[in-house]
Protein backbone atom coordinates (compact mmCIF):
# COMPACT_ATOMS: atom_id res chain seq x y z
CA MET A 1 31.92 14.20 10.94
CA THR A 2 28.37 13.40 11.96
CA GLU A 3 25.97 11.83 9.47
CA HIS A 4 22.32 12.70 9.70
CA HIS A 5 19.85 10.05 8.65
CA GLN A 6 16.21 10.75 8.28
CA GLY A 7 14.20 8.21 10.24
CA PRO A 8 10.97 6.61 9.14
CA PRO A 9 7.92 8.83 8.82
CA GLN A 10 6.11 9.52 12.06
CA GLY A 11 2.91 7.56 12.52
CA PRO A 12 1.27 5.12 10.15
CA PRO A 13 0.85 6.03 6.49
CA GLN A 14 -2.50 7.37 5.37
CA LEU A 15 -3.62 4.79 2.82
CA LEU A 16 -6.47 5.65 0.46
CA ARG A 17 -8.75 3.30 -1.46
CA PRO A 18 -8.86 3.75 -5.26
CA THR A 19 -12.22 5.57 -5.02
CA GLU A 20 -10.79 8.00 -2.47
CA THR A 21 -7.64 8.39 -4.54
CA GLY A 22 -9.65 9.16 -7.65
CA ARG A 23 -11.58 11.84 -5.79
CA ALA A 24 -8.34 13.30 -4.38
CA LEU A 25 -6.93 13.50 -7.91
CA GLY A 26 -9.88 15.52 -9.16
CA GLY A 27 -12.34 12.85 -10.20
CA ILE A 28 -10.22 10.13 -11.78
CA HIS A 29 -12.35 7.00 -12.16
CA PRO A 30 -11.10 3.96 -10.18
CA GLN A 31 -11.03 1.95 -13.42
CA THR A 32 -8.64 4.52 -14.88
CA LEU A 33 -6.35 3.97 -11.88
CA ALA A 34 -6.60 0.20 -12.50
CA ASN A 35 -5.69 0.73 -16.17
CA TRP A 36 -2.71 2.85 -15.15
CA ARG A 37 -1.52 0.16 -12.72
CA HIS A 38 -1.80 -2.44 -15.49
CA THR A 39 0.25 -0.32 -17.91
CA GLY A 40 2.81 0.84 -15.34
CA LYS A 41 1.60 4.44 -15.30
CA GLY A 42 0.06 6.62 -12.64
CA PRO A 43 0.90 7.11 -8.99
CA PRO A 44 2.70 4.47 -6.93
CA TYR A 45 0.46 2.12 -5.00
CA VAL A 46 0.62 -0.35 -2.14
CA LYS A 47 -0.71 -3.88 -2.50
CA ILE A 48 -1.69 -5.59 0.74
CA GLY A 49 -3.00 -9.02 -0.11
CA SER A 50 -5.50 -8.27 -2.86
CA ALA A 51 -6.23 -4.75 -1.59
CA ILE A 52 -4.85 -1.78 -3.53
CA ARG A 53 -4.12 1.37 -1.56
CA TYR A 54 -2.43 4.67 -2.35
CA ASP A 55 -0.22 6.47 0.17
CA ALA A 56 -1.37 10.08 0.59
CA ASP A 57 2.22 11.35 0.86
CA ALA A 58 3.21 9.50 -2.34
CA LEU A 59 0.23 11.10 -4.12
CA ARG A 60 1.47 14.55 -3.10
CA VAL A 61 4.91 13.74 -4.52
CA TYR A 62 3.35 12.30 -7.70
CA CYS A 63 1.30 15.47 -8.21
CA ALA A 64 4.32 17.70 -7.59
CA GLU A 65 6.44 15.70 -10.05
CA ASN A 66 3.72 15.91 -12.70
CA THR A 67 2.92 19.60 -12.31
CA ARG A 68 3.67 21.51 -15.51
CA ASN A 69 4.07 25.24 -15.97
CA PRO A 70 2.52 26.52 -19.23
CA LYS A 71 5.52 28.82 -19.73
CA ASP A 72 7.81 25.75 -19.86
CA SER A 73 6.02 24.32 -22.92
CA ARG A 74 6.94 27.16 -25.27
């Protein structure tokens, strides 16, 4: 039996600054993202030294996981 393992993503990750992330999420203020980080909410982030960055692929997953269908709330 052959096991298939998915390798690492191709190429470097696309890391976005909080201002870019806020824009990508429809105008979320960077301070809101900081508040979410502090409270353990919001999208996953990468901390490199003191720099905060958001991986574009992780943001896509976060949005998909938080998408709600109005029909499901009945």
